N, C-alpha and C. Protein backbone atom coordinates (compact mmCIF):
# COMPACT_ATOMS: atom_id res chain seq x y z
N UNK A 1 0.86 -1.17 0.00
CA UNK A 1 0.00 0.00 0.00
C UNK A 1 0.90 1.23 0.00
N UNK A 2 0.52 2.23 -0.79
CA UNK A 2 1.23 3.49 -0.87
C UNK A 2 0.27 4.62 -0.55
N UNK A 3 0.69 5.52 0.33
CA UNK A 3 -0.12 6.68 0.68
C UNK A 3 0.63 7.93 0.23
N UNK A 4 -0.03 8.75 -0.58
CA UNK A 4 0.56 10.00 -1.07
C UNK A 4 -0.13 11.18 -0.40
N UNK A 5 0.63 12.20 -0.01
CA UNK A 5 0.03 13.37 0.63
C UNK A 5 -0.83 14.18 -0.35
N UNK A 6 -1.69 15.01 0.22
CA UNK A 6 -2.58 15.84 -0.59
C UNK A 6 -1.81 17.02 -1.15
N UNK A 7 -1.51 16.94 -2.43
CA UNK A 7 -0.83 18.03 -3.14
C UNK A 7 -1.77 18.59 -4.19
N UNK A 8 -1.43 19.74 -4.72
CA UNK A 8 -2.25 20.35 -5.75
C UNK A 8 -1.81 19.94 -7.15
N UNK A 9 -1.07 18.85 -7.26
CA UNK A 9 -0.59 18.35 -8.55
C UNK A 9 -1.51 17.24 -9.06
N UNK A 10 -1.45 17.00 -10.36
CA UNK A 10 -2.21 15.92 -11.00
C UNK A 10 -1.36 14.66 -11.07
N UNK A 11 -0.80 14.22 -9.95
CA UNK A 11 0.09 13.06 -9.99
C UNK A 11 -0.58 11.75 -9.60
N UNK A 12 -1.87 11.76 -9.36
CA UNK A 12 -2.59 10.53 -9.04
C UNK A 12 -2.67 9.63 -10.27
N UNK A 13 -2.61 8.31 -10.10
CA UNK A 13 -2.77 7.40 -11.24
C UNK A 13 -4.13 7.55 -11.94
N UNK A 14 -5.09 8.17 -11.28
CA UNK A 14 -6.40 8.41 -11.88
C UNK A 14 -6.42 9.71 -12.67
N UNK A 15 -5.34 10.48 -12.59
CA UNK A 15 -5.29 11.76 -13.29
C UNK A 15 -5.94 12.90 -12.53
N UNK A 16 -6.19 12.69 -11.25
CA UNK A 16 -6.83 13.70 -10.42
C UNK A 16 -5.81 14.39 -9.53
N UNK A 17 -6.20 15.52 -8.99
CA UNK A 17 -5.36 16.24 -8.04
C UNK A 17 -5.52 15.64 -6.65
N UNK A 18 -4.60 15.98 -5.76
CA UNK A 18 -4.74 15.63 -4.36
C UNK A 18 -4.07 14.34 -3.96
N UNK A 19 -4.30 13.96 -2.70
CA UNK A 19 -3.71 12.75 -2.14
C UNK A 19 -4.46 11.50 -2.56
N UNK A 20 -3.78 10.37 -2.41
CA UNK A 20 -4.43 9.11 -2.75
C UNK A 20 -3.76 7.95 -2.03
N UNK A 21 -4.50 6.86 -1.95
CA UNK A 21 -4.00 5.59 -1.43
C UNK A 21 -4.02 4.61 -2.59
N UNK A 22 -2.89 3.92 -2.81
CA UNK A 22 -2.77 2.94 -3.90
C UNK A 22 -2.51 1.58 -3.29
N UNK A 23 -3.35 0.61 -3.65
CA UNK A 23 -3.18 -0.76 -3.19
C UNK A 23 -2.93 -1.63 -4.42
N UNK A 24 -1.71 -2.16 -4.54
CA UNK A 24 -1.34 -3.01 -5.67
C UNK A 24 -1.84 -4.43 -5.42
N UNK A 25 -2.52 -4.99 -6.42
CA UNK A 25 -3.12 -6.32 -6.32
C UNK A 25 -2.76 -7.14 -7.56
N UNK A 26 -2.85 -8.46 -7.43
CA UNK A 26 -2.62 -9.38 -8.53
C UNK A 26 -3.71 -10.44 -8.51
N UNK A 27 -4.32 -10.71 -9.68
CA UNK A 27 -5.36 -11.74 -9.74
C UNK A 27 -4.71 -13.12 -9.81
N UNK A 28 -5.51 -14.16 -9.76
CA UNK A 28 -5.00 -15.54 -9.77
C UNK A 28 -4.31 -15.91 -11.08
N UNK A 29 -4.55 -15.14 -12.15
CA UNK A 29 -3.89 -15.38 -13.43
C UNK A 29 -2.61 -14.57 -13.60
N UNK A 30 -2.24 -13.80 -12.58
CA UNK A 30 -1.01 -13.03 -12.62
C UNK A 30 -1.11 -11.62 -13.17
N UNK A 31 -2.32 -11.16 -13.47
CA UNK A 31 -2.50 -9.80 -13.98
C UNK A 31 -2.43 -8.80 -12.82
N UNK A 32 -1.65 -7.73 -13.01
CA UNK A 32 -1.51 -6.74 -11.96
C UNK A 32 -2.42 -5.54 -12.18
N UNK A 33 -2.97 -5.05 -11.09
CA UNK A 33 -3.77 -3.84 -11.14
C UNK A 33 -3.67 -3.14 -9.80
N UNK A 34 -4.07 -1.88 -9.77
CA UNK A 34 -4.00 -1.10 -8.55
C UNK A 34 -5.37 -0.49 -8.26
N UNK A 35 -5.79 -0.62 -7.02
CA UNK A 35 -7.04 -0.02 -6.55
C UNK A 35 -6.65 1.32 -5.94
N UNK A 36 -7.25 2.42 -6.44
CA UNK A 36 -6.89 3.77 -6.02
C UNK A 36 -8.08 4.45 -5.37
N UNK A 37 -7.84 5.07 -4.21
CA UNK A 37 -8.83 5.91 -3.55
C UNK A 37 -8.17 7.27 -3.36
N UNK A 38 -8.75 8.31 -3.96
CA UNK A 38 -8.18 9.64 -3.89
C UNK A 38 -9.13 10.64 -3.28
N UNK A 39 -8.57 11.78 -2.85
CA UNK A 39 -9.37 12.84 -2.26
C UNK A 39 -8.70 14.17 -2.57
N UNK A 40 -9.53 15.15 -2.93
CA UNK A 40 -9.03 16.51 -3.11
C UNK A 40 -10.15 17.50 -2.83
N UNK A 41 -9.95 18.31 -1.82
CA UNK A 41 -10.90 19.37 -1.44
C UNK A 41 -12.32 18.83 -1.29
N UNK A 42 -12.46 17.70 -0.62
CA UNK A 42 -13.77 17.13 -0.34
C UNK A 42 -14.34 16.22 -1.41
N UNK A 43 -13.70 16.15 -2.57
CA UNK A 43 -14.17 15.26 -3.63
C UNK A 43 -13.45 13.93 -3.51
N UNK A 44 -14.20 12.83 -3.59
CA UNK A 44 -13.62 11.48 -3.48
C UNK A 44 -13.56 10.84 -4.87
N UNK A 45 -12.49 10.11 -5.14
CA UNK A 45 -12.30 9.42 -6.41
C UNK A 45 -11.89 7.98 -6.12
N UNK A 46 -12.51 7.04 -6.84
CA UNK A 46 -12.19 5.62 -6.69
C UNK A 46 -12.02 5.04 -8.09
N UNK A 47 -10.97 4.22 -8.26
CA UNK A 47 -10.75 3.63 -9.57
C UNK A 47 -9.78 2.47 -9.54
N UNK A 48 -9.71 1.76 -10.64
CA UNK A 48 -8.79 0.64 -10.80
C UNK A 48 -7.98 0.93 -12.06
N UNK A 49 -6.65 0.78 -11.95
CA UNK A 49 -5.78 1.00 -13.10
C UNK A 49 -4.92 -0.24 -13.32
N UNK A 50 -4.58 -0.49 -14.59
CA UNK A 50 -3.71 -1.62 -14.95
C UNK A 50 -2.30 -1.34 -14.48
N UNK A 51 -1.65 -2.36 -13.98
CA UNK A 51 -0.28 -2.24 -13.51
C UNK A 51 0.60 -3.11 -14.39
N UNK A 52 1.66 -2.54 -14.92
CA UNK A 52 2.56 -3.29 -15.82
C UNK A 52 3.43 -4.25 -15.06
């Protein structure tokens, strides 16, 4: 798990501003993905991104 502080940059894997928590996961077939929960100025963002 990775926790990033709330910054005013668009550095989240979801393309959003603010802080986020990234949880790297792997399915039973070996495919990697990351579950992302982000927050910026009261707005919440949730998403899944492919991990290489």
